[in-house]
Structures are given as C-alpha cells and as structure tokens.
Amino acid sequence: MPVFALDKRLAFPPPELAEDGLLAVGGDLSVPRLLLAYRSGIFPWFNEGDPILWHSPDPRAVITAESLHVSRRLARTLRQGVFETRSDTVFEQVVKACAATPRRDQDGTWITQDMIDAYAALHREGYAHSIETWSGGRLVGGLYGVSIGRCFFGESMFSCETDASKVALVRLLEFGQAHGIDLFDCQLENPHLLSMGAYPIARAKFLKMLQARVDSPTLRGLWRLT
C-alpha cells in the first residue's frame, strides 16, 4: 500500500490513490494546508505521538437535510426546546469536550493539543465552527467542523445529556439549508450518525460533489443560528 511522504510544499497526492483510506504522512497543520486538504477531500487523523496522517476513505459518509432521520423522542426534545442552541460562542471548549469524551472501542483521542491549536486557528480565520447545546447555562453537547463553499466537514461531536449532540446536528443542517450549504461530510460511518440518516457513498462520487461546491462563496466569520 503506497503512502506518500509530504514535505514543506503545499501539495497533496490525488486522493484517489489512497488505499484503505490512508493517503499520506507528514506535512503540517497550518491553515493553508488544512484548507487545501479539505478542498481535496482529505483530512488529518492520527493518534498522540504519531506523525500527521492524512486520509481519504472510500466509501465516504455524508448526511443531508433530506436524509436526516428525526426520531419521535428527538422530535419531542426539539419541540419542547429542552436545549438552547448557540454557535461559535465557545469553539475551543467544544473541541476540548470532544477530545475528553470517551468513545466506545477507542482508547485515547486523536484530538491532540496540536489539533486543538490547528482548528482554533481555522476558527479565528472564520472557517471552523461549533454548534453548541446548552442547558441551565452549561454546555452539554455540540459538534465542530470546517466550512468551505457549500460544504461542511464535520470533525467530532460530544454529548453529556441525551440527544444533546443530535440537536446540534439538526440545527447545523437547518442552518445549512438556510445558507446554501448542502454537502455535510461525516468522514466515516458510525452507528450514531447512521441512526440519524448518514449514509455511505463512493469516494469518486464524493469528490465530484465536493468539487462542484468548494469554489462557491464561503460563509466566514462567526455563525449565528438566529
């Protein structure tokens, strides 16, 4: 399986060359490189102590407003306004909460301090965003990701209370509908996202959808849900 070694040049090999998802190793987590990666259908994912690893999996998981599944319980939670939802008020706190949340069948986290710093820089540049759920003045769930053109690349989500992260995802999709964002990348399948309507597509199809959208104007700056 060929894995390409990156140097200081701002470039990636074609994502179609990734076998088993892993494409390249090395490089850096600078804002220009991260933006190029996402525009190319590539994202970083590696454990503490490992070199930077870049991935482009096949298939790719996505979710749309049309595929979204809202259970009866979640619909009741939304209708009753159990949670307050905000965006971009405590971005780094959301990222750190995602890092600290235990995952089934997973030891540790890929959200290292270097990753936190990198996405905080993307947030300051207006490309990375958090959708947050609050209860009683306390952050209880949320998600974060990167927005480029008409695409949102989800990175991670967390929940301290039932349905808290699901509410954040619903609000993100609603916000996207209102602002022309219609491709939501989930990267990899997992039971939580599949239960909400995420589904796999071939990488080749994902890349075509991506290239049709990333050159559209990007909604930068702080997002506000209302």
C-alpha atoms as a PDB file:
ATOM      1  CA  MET A   1       0.000   0.000   0.000  1.00  0.00           C
ATOM      2  CA  PRO A   2       1.694   3.252  -1.105  1.00  0.00           C
ATOM      3  CA  VAL A   3       1.714   6.029   1.484  1.00  0.00           C
ATOM      4  CA  PHE A   4       3.108   9.330   0.277  1.00  0.00           C
ATOM      5  CA  ALA A   5       5.549  11.395   2.350  1.00  0.00           C
ATOM      6  CA  LEU A   6       4.755  15.113   2.418  1.00  0.00           C
ATOM      7  CA  ASP A   7       7.386  17.840   2.617  1.00  0.00           C
ATOM      8  CA  LYS A   8       7.172  21.621   3.019  1.00  0.00           C
ATOM      9  CA  ARG A   9       5.498  22.081  -0.342  1.00  0.00           C
ATOM     10  CA  LEU A  10       1.797  22.880  -0.124  1.00  0.00           C
ATOM     11  CA  ALA A  11       0.548  19.888  -2.097  1.00  0.00           C
ATOM     12  CA  PHE A  12      -1.159  16.523  -1.724  1.00  0.00           C
ATOM     13  CA  PRO A  13      -1.192  13.478  -3.959  1.00  0.00           C
ATOM     14  CA  PRO A  14      -4.514  12.720  -5.653  1.00  0.00           C
ATOM     15  CA  PRO A  15      -6.956  11.361  -3.056  1.00  0.00           C
ATOM     16  CA  GLU A  16      -7.909   8.539  -5.434  1.00  0.00           C
ATOM     17  CA  LEU A  17      -4.516   6.976  -4.674  1.00  0.00           C
ATOM     18  CA  ALA A  18      -5.411   6.327  -1.033  1.00  0.00           C
ATOM     19  CA  GLU A  19      -5.752   2.627  -0.273  1.00  0.00           C
ATOM     20  CA  ASP A  20      -7.708   1.674   2.846  1.00  0.00           C
ATOM     21  CA  GLY A  21      -8.179   5.412   3.379  1.00  0.00           C
ATOM     22  CA  LEU A  22      -4.603   6.342   4.287  1.00  0.00           C
ATOM     23  CA  LEU A  23      -3.030   8.643   1.702  1.00  0.00           C
ATOM     24  CA  ALA A  24      -0.030  10.491   3.120  1.00  0.00           C
ATOM     25  CA  VAL A  25       2.165  11.168   6.133  1.00  0.00           C
ATOM     26  CA  GLY A  26       3.945  14.330   7.282  1.00  0.00           C
ATOM     27  CA  GLY A  27       3.484  17.955   6.401  1.00  0.00           C
ATOM     28  CA  ASP A  28       1.958  20.305   8.949  1.00  0.00           C
ATOM     29  CA  LEU A  29      -1.364  21.512  10.339  1.00  0.00           C
ATOM     30  CA  SER A  30      -1.156  25.068   9.037  1.00  0.00           C
ATOM     31  CA  VAL A  31      -4.323  26.838   7.938  1.00  0.00           C
ATOM     32  CA  PRO A  32      -3.369  26.806   4.217  1.00  0.00           C
ATOM     33  CA  ARG A  33      -2.591  23.075   4.273  1.00  0.00           C
ATOM     34  CA  LEU A  34      -5.772  22.186   6.153  1.00  0.00           C
ATOM     35  CA  LEU A  35      -7.893  24.214   3.738  1.00  0.00           C
ATOM     36  CA  LEU A  36      -6.212  22.544   0.766  1.00  0.00           C
ATOM     37  CA  ALA A  37      -6.773  19.142   2.353  1.00  0.00           C
ATOM     38  CA  TYR A  38     -10.490  19.668   2.890  1.00  0.00           C
ATOM     39  CA  ARG A  39     -10.939  21.151  -0.574  1.00  0.00           C
ATOM     40  CA  SER A  40      -9.295  17.981  -1.923  1.00  0.00           C
ATOM     41  CA  GLY A  41     -11.378  15.513   0.096  1.00  0.00           C
ATOM     42  CA  ILE A  42      -8.590  14.778   2.580  1.00  0.00           C
ATOM     43  CA  PHE A  43      -8.478  15.172   6.367  1.00  0.00           C
ATOM     44  CA  PRO A  44      -5.915  14.607   9.165  1.00  0.00           C
ATOM     45  CA  TRP A  45      -6.439  11.783  11.652  1.00  0.00           C
ATOM     46  CA  PHE A  46      -3.703  10.393  13.874  1.00  0.00           C
ATOM     47  CA  ASN A  47      -3.009   9.443  17.470  1.00  0.00           C
ATOM     48  CA  GLU A  48      -0.877  11.214  20.052  1.00  0.00           C
ATOM     49  CA  GLY A  49       2.800  10.533  19.328  1.00  0.00           C
ATOM     50  CA  ASP A  50       2.216   9.534  15.697  1.00  0.00           C
ATOM     51  CA  PRO A  51       3.254  11.594  12.669  1.00  0.00           C
ATOM     52  CA  ILE A  52       0.489  13.517  10.934  1.00  0.00           C
ATOM     53  CA  LEU A  53      -1.552  11.078   8.854  1.00  0.00           C
ATOM     54  CA  TRP A  54      -3.847  12.205   6.026  1.00  0.00           C
ATOM     55  CA  HIS A  55      -6.877  10.194   4.942  1.00  0.00           C
ATOM     56  CA  SER A  56      -9.392   9.994   2.113  1.00  0.00           C
ATOM     57  CA  PRO A  57     -11.600   6.966   2.830  1.00  0.00           C
ATOM     58  CA  ASP A  58     -13.677   5.008   0.356  1.00  0.00           C
ATOM     59  CA  PRO A  59     -16.609   4.948   0.917  1.00  0.00           C
ATOM     60  CA  ARG A  60     -17.262   8.337   2.499  1.00  0.00           C
ATOM     61  CA  ALA A  61     -20.119   9.018   4.917  1.00  0.00           C
ATOM     62  CA  VAL A  62     -22.369  12.023   4.287  1.00  0.00           C
ATOM     63  CA  ILE A  63     -25.669  13.336   5.585  1.00  0.00           C
ATOM     64  CA  THR A  64     -28.169  15.738   4.044  1.00  0.00           C
ATOM     65  CA  ALA A  65     -31.254  17.575   5.218  1.00  0.00           C
ATOM     66  CA  GLU A  66     -33.258  15.152   3.057  1.00  0.00           C
ATOM     67  CA  SER A  67     -31.703  12.017   4.568  1.00  0.00           C
ATOM     68  CA  LEU A  68     -31.902  13.281   8.159  1.00  0.00           C
ATOM     69  CA  HIS A  69     -33.909  10.974  10.414  1.00  0.00           C
ATOM     70  CA  VAL A  70     -35.500  12.554  13.482  1.00  0.00           C
ATOM     71  CA  SER A  71     -36.865  10.012  15.941  1.00  0.00           C
ATOM     72  CA  ARG A  72     -40.057  10.666  17.879  1.00  0.00           C
ATOM     73  CA  ARG A  73     -38.060  11.294  21.037  1.00  0.00           C
ATOM     74  CA  LEU A  74     -35.730  13.725  19.295  1.00  0.00           C
ATOM     75  CA  ALA A  75     -38.677  15.488  17.675  1.00  0.00           C
ATOM     76  CA  ARG A  76     -40.235  15.923  21.116  1.00  0.00           C
ATOM     77  CA  THR A  77     -36.948  17.258  22.510  1.00  0.00           C
ATOM     78  CA  LEU A  78     -36.748  19.785  19.678  1.00  0.00           C
ATOM     79  CA  ARG A  79     -40.389  20.769  20.013  1.00  0.00           C
ATOM     80  CA  GLN A  80     -40.144  21.291  23.763  1.00  0.00           C
ATOM     81  CA  GLY A  81     -36.980  23.393  23.481  1.00  0.00           C
ATOM     82  CA  VAL A  82     -35.146  21.279  26.053  1.00  0.00           C
ATOM     83  CA  PHE A  83     -31.803  22.740  24.957  1.00  0.00           C
ATOM     84  CA  GLU A  84     -30.678  26.202  23.969  1.00  0.00           C
ATOM     85  CA  THR A  85     -28.565  26.125  20.832  1.00  0.00           C
ATOM     86  CA  ARG A  86     -25.760  28.524  20.055  1.00  0.00           C
ATOM     87  CA  SER A  87     -22.916  28.700  17.549  1.00  0.00           C
ATOM     88  CA  ASP A  88     -19.302  29.823  17.779  1.00  0.00           C
ATOM     89  CA  THR A  89     -19.513  31.089  21.359  1.00  0.00           C
ATOM     90  CA  VAL A  90     -17.075  28.592  22.958  1.00  0.00           C
ATOM     91  CA  PHE A  91     -15.386  26.918  19.998  1.00  0.00           C
ATOM     92  CA  GLU A  92     -12.272  25.647  21.795  1.00  0.00           C
ATOM     93  CA  GLN A  93     -14.370  24.391  24.704  1.00  0.00           C
ATOM     94  CA  VAL A  94     -16.380  22.268  22.275  1.00  0.00           C
ATOM     95  CA  VAL A  95     -13.231  20.831  20.691  1.00  0.00           C
ATOM     96  CA  LYS A  96     -11.772  20.011  24.097  1.00  0.00           C
ATOM     97  CA  ALA A  97     -15.050  18.412  25.201  1.00  0.00           C
ATOM     98  CA  CYS A  98     -14.967  16.222  22.084  1.00  0.00           C
ATOM     99  CA  ALA A  99     -11.400  15.234  22.964  1.00  0.00           C
ATOM    100  CA  ALA A 100     -12.342  14.363  26.546  1.00  0.00           C
ATOM    101  CA  THR A 101     -15.446  12.314  25.718  1.00  0.00           C
ATOM    102  CA  PRO A 102     -14.817   8.541  25.916  1.00  0.00           C
ATOM    103  CA  ARG A 103     -15.583   6.605  22.712  1.00  0.00           C
ATOM    104  CA  ARG A 104     -16.712   3.003  22.527  1.00  0.00           C
ATOM    105  CA  ASP A 105     -13.902   0.647  21.435  1.00  0.00           C
ATOM    106  CA  GLN A 106     -11.412   3.511  21.367  1.00  0.00           C
ATOM    107  CA  ASP A 107      -8.561   4.294  23.728  1.00  0.00           C
ATOM    108  CA  GLY A 108      -7.450   7.906  23.940  1.00  0.00           C
ATOM    109  CA  THR A 109      -8.256  10.565  21.355  1.00  0.00           C
ATOM    110  CA  TRP A 110      -6.977  11.815  18.018  1.00  0.00           C
ATOM    111  CA  ILE A 111      -7.819  15.385  19.079  1.00  0.00           C
ATOM    112  CA  THR A 112      -4.366  16.241  20.385  1.00  0.00           C
ATOM    113  CA  GLN A 113      -3.255  19.668  21.558  1.00  0.00           C
ATOM    114  CA  ASP A 114      -1.727  20.265  18.125  1.00  0.00           C
ATOM    115  CA  MET A 115      -5.098  19.508  16.550  1.00  0.00           C
ATOM    116  CA  ILE A 116      -6.887  21.794  19.016  1.00  0.00           C
ATOM    117  CA  ASP A 117      -4.471  24.602  18.174  1.00  0.00           C
ATOM    118  CA  ALA A 118      -4.851  23.988  14.426  1.00  0.00           C
ATOM    119  CA  TYR A 119      -8.642  24.119  14.444  1.00  0.00           C
ATOM    120  CA  ALA A 120      -8.622  27.120  16.753  1.00  0.00           C
ATOM    121  CA  ALA A 121      -6.550  28.867  14.079  1.00  0.00           C
ATOM    122  CA  LEU A 122      -9.095  27.837  11.442  1.00  0.00           C
ATOM    123  CA  HIS A 123     -11.819  29.232  13.694  1.00  0.00           C
ATOM    124  CA  ARG A 124     -10.021  32.565  14.038  1.00  0.00           C
ATOM    125  CA  GLU A 125      -9.823  32.711  10.237  1.00  0.00           C
ATOM    126  CA  GLY A 126     -13.587  32.141  10.028  1.00  0.00           C
ATOM    127  CA  TYR A 127     -13.543  28.625   8.551  1.00  0.00           C
ATOM    128  CA  ALA A 128     -14.132  26.385  11.588  1.00  0.00           C
ATOM    129  CA  HIS A 129     -17.364  26.500  13.567  1.00  0.00           C
ATOM    130  CA  SER A 130     -19.053  24.988  16.592  1.00  0.00           C
ATOM    131  CA  ILE A 131     -22.736  24.252  17.088  1.00  0.00           C
ATOM    132  CA  GLU A 132     -23.481  24.043  20.819  1.00  0.00           C
ATOM    133  CA  THR A 133     -26.308  22.799  23.011  1.00  0.00           C
ATOM    134  CA  TRP A 134     -26.737  24.357  26.436  1.00  0.00           C
ATOM    135  CA  SER A 135     -28.864  23.519  29.472  1.00  0.00           C
ATOM    136  CA  GLY A 136     -29.106  25.704  32.541  1.00  0.00           C
ATOM    137  CA  GLY A 137     -26.163  27.778  31.380  1.00  0.00           C
ATOM    138  CA  ARG A 138     -23.990  24.665  30.987  1.00  0.00           C
ATOM    139  CA  LEU A 139     -22.520  23.320  27.758  1.00  0.00           C
ATOM    140  CA  VAL A 140     -23.932  19.784  27.426  1.00  0.00           C
ATOM    141  CA  GLY A 141     -23.299  18.868  23.790  1.00  0.00           C
ATOM    142  CA  GLY A 142     -22.161  20.033  20.416  1.00  0.00           C
ATOM    143  CA  LEU A 143     -20.087  19.486  17.321  1.00  0.00           C
ATOM    144  CA  TYR A 144     -17.430  21.273  15.319  1.00  0.00           C
ATOM    145  CA  GLY A 145     -16.153  21.222  11.774  1.00  0.00           C
ATOM    146  CA  VAL A 146     -14.887  23.194   8.808  1.00  0.00           C
ATOM    147  CA  SER A 147     -16.955  25.159   6.284  1.00  0.00           C
ATOM    148  CA  ILE A 148     -15.721  25.781   2.743  1.00  0.00           C
ATOM    149  CA  GLY A 149     -18.025  26.853  -0.054  1.00  0.00           C
ATOM    150  CA  ARG A 150     -21.260  24.885   0.136  1.00  0.00           C
ATOM    151  CA  CYS A 151     -19.654  22.131   2.215  1.00  0.00           C
ATOM    152  CA  PHE A 152     -19.384  21.448   5.923  1.00  0.00           C
ATOM    153  CA  PHE A 153     -16.793  18.905   7.038  1.00  0.00           C
ATOM    154  CA  GLY A 154     -17.786  17.504  10.406  1.00  0.00           C
ATOM    155  CA  GLU A 155     -14.894  16.651  12.707  1.00  0.00           C
ATOM    156  CA  SER A 156     -16.343  15.456  16.008  1.00  0.00           C
ATOM    157  CA  MET A 157     -19.308  15.714  18.362  1.00  0.00           C
ATOM    158  CA  PHE A 158     -19.984  15.095  22.045  1.00  0.00           C
ATOM    159  CA  SER A 159     -22.937  14.782  24.388  1.00  0.00           C
ATOM    160  CA  CYS A 160     -23.297  14.913  28.161  1.00  0.00           C
ATOM    161  CA  GLU A 161     -27.094  14.590  28.072  1.00  0.00           C
ATOM    162  CA  THR A 162     -29.463  12.511  25.962  1.00  0.00           C
ATOM    163  CA  ASP A 163     -29.990  13.957  22.463  1.00  0.00           C
ATOM    164  CA  ALA A 164     -27.698  16.948  23.058  1.00  0.00           C
ATOM    165  CA  SER A 165     -25.384  16.210  20.133  1.00  0.00           C
ATOM    166  CA  LYS A 166     -28.319  15.173  17.936  1.00  0.00           C
ATOM    167  CA  VAL A 167     -29.973  18.541  18.492  1.00  0.00           C
ATOM    168  CA  ALA A 168     -26.721  20.232  17.443  1.00  0.00           C
ATOM    169  CA  LEU A 169     -26.650  18.201  14.230  1.00  0.00           C
ATOM    170  CA  VAL A 170     -30.264  19.050  13.405  1.00  0.00           C
ATOM    171  CA  ARG A 171     -29.591  22.753  13.954  1.00  0.00           C
ATOM    172  CA  LEU A 172     -26.483  22.551  11.761  1.00  0.00           C
ATOM    173  CA  LEU A 173     -28.466  21.022   8.902  1.00  0.00           C
ATOM    174  CA  GLU A 174     -31.197  23.652   9.310  1.00  0.00           C
ATOM    175  CA  PHE A 175     -28.581  26.412   9.255  1.00  0.00           C
ATOM    176  CA  GLY A 176     -27.003  24.895   6.168  1.00  0.00           C
ATOM    177  CA  GLN A 177     -30.324  24.794   4.355  1.00  0.00           C
ATOM    178  CA  ALA A 178     -30.843  28.482   5.088  1.00  0.00           C
ATOM    179  CA  HIS A 179     -27.364  29.445   3.853  1.00  0.00           C
ATOM    180  CA  GLY A 180     -26.800  27.245   0.814  1.00  0.00           C
ATOM    181  CA  ILE A 181     -24.620  24.608   2.479  1.00  0.00           C
ATOM    182  CA  ASP A 182     -25.821  21.275   1.154  1.00  0.00           C
ATOM    183  CA  LEU A 183     -22.960  18.771   1.496  1.00  0.00           C
ATOM    184  CA  PHE A 184     -22.235  17.591   5.036  1.00  0.00           C
ATOM    185  CA  ASP A 185     -19.237  15.294   5.293  1.00  0.00           C
ATOM    186  CA  CYS A 186     -19.271  12.798   8.188  1.00  0.00           C
ATOM    187  CA  GLN A 187     -15.960  11.213   7.072  1.00  0.00           C
ATOM    188  CA  LEU A 188     -16.559   7.692   8.426  1.00  0.00           C
ATOM    189  CA  GLU A 189     -19.682   5.727   9.252  1.00  0.00           C
ATOM    190  CA  ASN A 190     -20.624   5.112  12.879  1.00  0.00           C
ATOM    191  CA  PRO A 191     -23.864   3.847  14.456  1.00  0.00           C
ATOM    192  CA  HIS A 192     -24.753   7.238  15.942  1.00  0.00           C
ATOM    193  CA  LEU A 193     -24.610   9.030  12.586  1.00  0.00           C
ATOM    194  CA  LEU A 194     -26.201   6.177  10.657  1.00  0.00           C
ATOM    195  CA  SER A 195     -29.156   6.263  13.044  1.00  0.00           C
ATOM    196  CA  MET A 196     -29.673   9.917  12.112  1.00  0.00           C
ATOM    197  CA  GLY A 197     -29.605   9.377   8.371  1.00  0.00           C
ATOM    198  CA  ALA A 198     -25.944   9.432   7.381  1.00  0.00           C
ATOM    199  CA  TYR A 199     -25.095   7.076   4.537  1.00  0.00           C
ATOM    200  CA  PRO A 200     -22.001   5.947   2.606  1.00  0.00           C
ATOM    201  CA  ILE A 201     -21.158   6.994  -0.941  1.00  0.00           C
ATOM    202  CA  ALA A 202     -18.250   6.040  -3.169  1.00  0.00           C
ATOM    203  CA  ARG A 203     -15.222   8.292  -2.845  1.00  0.00           C
ATOM    204  CA  ALA A 204     -15.346   9.111  -6.564  1.00  0.00           C
ATOM    205  CA  LYS A 205     -18.905  10.401  -6.191  1.00  0.00           C
ATOM    206  CA  PHE A 206     -17.991  12.352  -3.068  1.00  0.00           C
ATOM    207  CA  LEU A 207     -15.077  14.040  -4.839  1.00  0.00           C
ATOM    208  CA  LYS A 208     -17.320  15.090  -7.738  1.00  0.00           C
ATOM    209  CA  MET A 209     -19.872  16.525  -5.310  1.00  0.00           C
ATOM    210  CA  LEU A 210     -17.077  18.289  -3.451  1.00  0.00           C
ATOM    211  CA  GLN A 211     -15.524  19.908  -6.497  1.00  0.00           C
ATOM    212  CA  ALA A 212     -18.920  21.233  -7.589  1.00  0.00           C
ATOM    213  CA  ARG A 213     -19.259  23.079  -4.264  1.00  0.00           C
ATOM    214  CA  VAL A 214     -15.913  24.169  -2.772  1.00  0.00           C
ATOM    215  CA  ASP A 215     -15.454  27.144  -5.107  1.00  0.00           C
ATOM    216  CA  SER A 216     -18.749  28.710  -4.058  1.00  0.00           C
ATOM    217  CA  PRO A 217     -18.502  31.661  -1.626  1.00  0.00           C
ATOM    218  CA  THR A 218     -17.711  30.593   1.945  1.00  0.00           C
ATOM    219  CA  LEU A 219     -19.765  31.918   4.846  1.00  0.00           C
ATOM    220  CA  ARG A 220     -16.847  33.030   7.007  1.00  0.00           C
ATOM    221  CA  GLY A 221     -16.761  34.689  10.388  1.00  0.00           C
ATOM    222  CA  LEU A 222     -18.843  33.892  13.446  1.00  0.00           C
ATOM    223  CA  TRP A 223     -22.029  31.991  12.712  1.00  0.00           C
ATOM    224  CA  ARG A 224     -25.285  32.832  14.440  1.00  0.00           C
ATOM    225  CA  LEU A 225     -28.127  30.341  14.384  1.00  0.00           C
ATOM    226  CA  THR A 226     -30.820  33.000  14.626  1.00  0.00           C
END
